[in-house]
Amino acid sequence: MTSQYAKVSDERVDVELDCSEVLCPLPVYRASLALGQMSPGQVLKLITTDPGALEDIPALARQTGNVLLGVEREETRQLFWIEKAVRS
């Protein structure tokens, strides 16, 4: 799938979270917990197999003010890169 986002290098990834084989709401919940433990500017790479994550994870980023840097869809999984926002 062609992404509307630029390719994010895994070298930028600070935390990788594999939520394969778990369904909604667990990928969103686990991503939210991980982001809560991260410092501003750090990048989370989230791996999911739940197709609903394609809507849920971008919504999480919007609602929390974090930055969705990239999304890739592979045959059976989705990859998301989320940068922890700097809070004012």
C-alpha atoms as a PDB file:
ATOM      1  CA  MET A   1       0.000   0.000   0.000  1.00  0.00           C
ATOM      2  CA  THR A   2       1.263   3.451  -0.848  1.00  0.00           C
ATOM      3  CA  SER A   3       1.493   5.665   2.205  1.00  0.00           C
ATOM      4  CA  GLN A   4       0.729   9.374   2.399  1.00  0.00           C
ATOM      5  CA  TYR A   5       3.602   9.633   4.866  1.00  0.00           C
ATOM      6  CA  ALA A   6       7.323   9.752   4.292  1.00  0.00           C
ATOM      7  CA  LYS A   7       9.243   6.573   5.001  1.00  0.00           C
ATOM      8  CA  VAL A   8      10.402   6.581   8.611  1.00  0.00           C
ATOM      9  CA  SER A   9      13.790   5.045   9.288  1.00  0.00           C
ATOM     10  CA  ASP A  10      13.806   2.430  12.025  1.00  0.00           C
ATOM     11  CA  GLU A  11      16.969   4.142  13.245  1.00  0.00           C
ATOM     12  CA  ARG A  12      14.658   6.835  14.643  1.00  0.00           C
ATOM     13  CA  VAL A  13      12.641   4.289  16.629  1.00  0.00           C
ATOM     14  CA  ASP A  14      13.087   4.463  20.391  1.00  0.00           C
ATOM     15  CA  VAL A  15      10.420   1.920  21.370  1.00  0.00           C
ATOM     16  CA  GLU A  16       8.959  -0.935  19.320  1.00  0.00           C
ATOM     17  CA  LEU A  17       5.633  -2.409  20.395  1.00  0.00           C
ATOM     18  CA  ASP A  18       4.341  -5.576  18.737  1.00  0.00           C
ATOM     19  CA  CYS A  19       0.583  -5.878  19.131  1.00  0.00           C
ATOM     20  CA  SER A  20       0.210  -8.627  16.554  1.00  0.00           C
ATOM     21  CA  GLU A  21      -2.667 -11.029  17.139  1.00  0.00           C
ATOM     22  CA  VAL A  22      -4.531  -8.772  19.572  1.00  0.00           C
ATOM     23  CA  LEU A  23      -7.745  -6.986  18.662  1.00  0.00           C
ATOM     24  CA  CYS A  24      -9.267  -3.614  19.466  1.00  0.00           C
ATOM     25  CA  PRO A  25      -9.064  -1.988  21.923  1.00  0.00           C
ATOM     26  CA  LEU A  26      -5.753  -3.545  23.002  1.00  0.00           C
ATOM     27  CA  PRO A  27      -3.463  -2.023  20.322  1.00  0.00           C
ATOM     28  CA  VAL A  28      -4.771   1.459  21.138  1.00  0.00           C
ATOM     29  CA  TYR A  29      -4.559   0.850  24.870  1.00  0.00           C
ATOM     30  CA  ARG A  30      -1.036  -0.555  24.735  1.00  0.00           C
ATOM     31  CA  ALA A  31       0.166   2.213  22.407  1.00  0.00           C
ATOM     32  CA  SER A  32      -1.308   4.811  24.751  1.00  0.00           C
ATOM     33  CA  LEU A  33       0.483   3.253  27.733  1.00  0.00           C
ATOM     34  CA  ALA A  34       3.782   3.102  25.837  1.00  0.00           C
ATOM     35  CA  LEU A  35       3.511   6.726  24.698  1.00  0.00           C
ATOM     36  CA  GLY A  36       2.762   7.744  28.284  1.00  0.00           C
ATOM     37  CA  GLN A  37       6.117   6.297  29.370  1.00  0.00           C
ATOM     38  CA  MET A  38       8.093   7.960  26.585  1.00  0.00           C
ATOM     39  CA  SER A  39       9.832  11.326  26.494  1.00  0.00           C
ATOM     40  CA  PRO A  40       8.817  14.077  24.063  1.00  0.00           C
ATOM     41  CA  GLY A  41      10.425  13.586  20.649  1.00  0.00           C
ATOM     42  CA  GLN A  42      10.845   9.834  21.033  1.00  0.00           C
ATOM     43  CA  VAL A  43       9.351   7.575  18.339  1.00  0.00           C
ATOM     44  CA  LEU A  44       7.148   4.538  18.882  1.00  0.00           C
ATOM     45  CA  LYS A  45       6.920   1.866  16.189  1.00  0.00           C
ATOM     46  CA  LEU A  46       3.663  -0.038  16.583  1.00  0.00           C
ATOM     47  CA  ILE A  47       2.988  -3.323  14.791  1.00  0.00           C
ATOM     48  CA  THR A  48      -0.602  -4.571  14.552  1.00  0.00           C
ATOM     49  CA  THR A  49      -2.593  -7.209  12.702  1.00  0.00           C
ATOM     50  CA  ASP A  50      -6.026  -5.767  13.544  1.00  0.00           C
ATOM     51  CA  PRO A  51      -7.314  -3.976  10.404  1.00  0.00           C
ATOM     52  CA  GLY A  52      -9.305  -1.621  12.634  1.00  0.00           C
ATOM     53  CA  ALA A  53      -6.016  -0.117  13.777  1.00  0.00           C
ATOM     54  CA  LEU A  54      -5.808   1.728  10.442  1.00  0.00           C
ATOM     55  CA  GLU A  55      -8.532   4.029  11.771  1.00  0.00           C
ATOM     56  CA  ASP A  56      -7.949   3.690  15.503  1.00  0.00           C
ATOM     57  CA  ILE A  57      -4.246   4.563  15.709  1.00  0.00           C
ATOM     58  CA  PRO A  58      -4.461   7.771  13.622  1.00  0.00           C
ATOM     59  CA  ALA A  59      -7.431   8.785  15.804  1.00  0.00           C
ATOM     60  CA  LEU A  60      -5.349   8.112  18.929  1.00  0.00           C
ATOM     61  CA  ALA A  61      -2.558  10.332  17.606  1.00  0.00           C
ATOM     62  CA  ARG A  62      -4.986  13.143  16.798  1.00  0.00           C
ATOM     63  CA  GLN A  63      -6.752  12.935  20.148  1.00  0.00           C
ATOM     64  CA  THR A  64      -3.550  12.881  22.184  1.00  0.00           C
ATOM     65  CA  GLY A  65      -1.661  15.492  20.169  1.00  0.00           C
ATOM     66  CA  ASN A  66       1.085  13.053  19.183  1.00  0.00           C
ATOM     67  CA  VAL A  67       2.462  13.035  15.633  1.00  0.00           C
ATOM     68  CA  LEU A  68       1.719  10.158  13.288  1.00  0.00           C
ATOM     69  CA  LEU A  69       4.923  10.066  11.251  1.00  0.00           C
ATOM     70  CA  GLY A  70       4.163   7.070   9.088  1.00  0.00           C
ATOM     71  CA  VAL A  71       1.803   4.237   8.275  1.00  0.00           C
ATOM     72  CA  GLU A  72       2.530   1.168   6.184  1.00  0.00           C
ATOM     73  CA  ARG A  73       0.143  -1.615   5.371  1.00  0.00           C
ATOM     74  CA  GLU A  74       1.555  -5.002   4.564  1.00  0.00           C
ATOM     75  CA  GLU A  75      -0.326  -8.157   3.677  1.00  0.00           C
ATOM     76  CA  THR A  76      -1.347  -9.129   7.202  1.00  0.00           C
ATOM     77  CA  ARG A  77      -0.099  -6.318   9.381  1.00  0.00           C
ATOM     78  CA  GLN A  78       0.046  -2.571   9.784  1.00  0.00           C
ATOM     79  CA  LEU A  79       3.028  -0.527  10.928  1.00  0.00           C
ATOM     80  CA  PHE A  80       2.734   2.877  12.594  1.00  0.00           C
ATOM     81  CA  TRP A  81       5.397   5.354  13.656  1.00  0.00           C
ATOM     82  CA  ILE A  82       4.253   7.849  16.271  1.00  0.00           C
ATOM     83  CA  GLU A  83       6.330  10.661  17.714  1.00  0.00           C
ATOM     84  CA  LYS A  84       5.600  11.625  21.299  1.00  0.00           C
ATOM     85  CA  ALA A  85       4.501  15.246  21.254  1.00  0.00           C
ATOM     86  CA  VAL A  86       6.169  18.026  23.159  1.00  0.00           C
ATOM     87  CA  ARG A  87       3.546  19.338  25.571  1.00  0.00           C
ATOM     88  CA  SER A  88       3.397  23.046  26.271  1.00  0.00           C
END
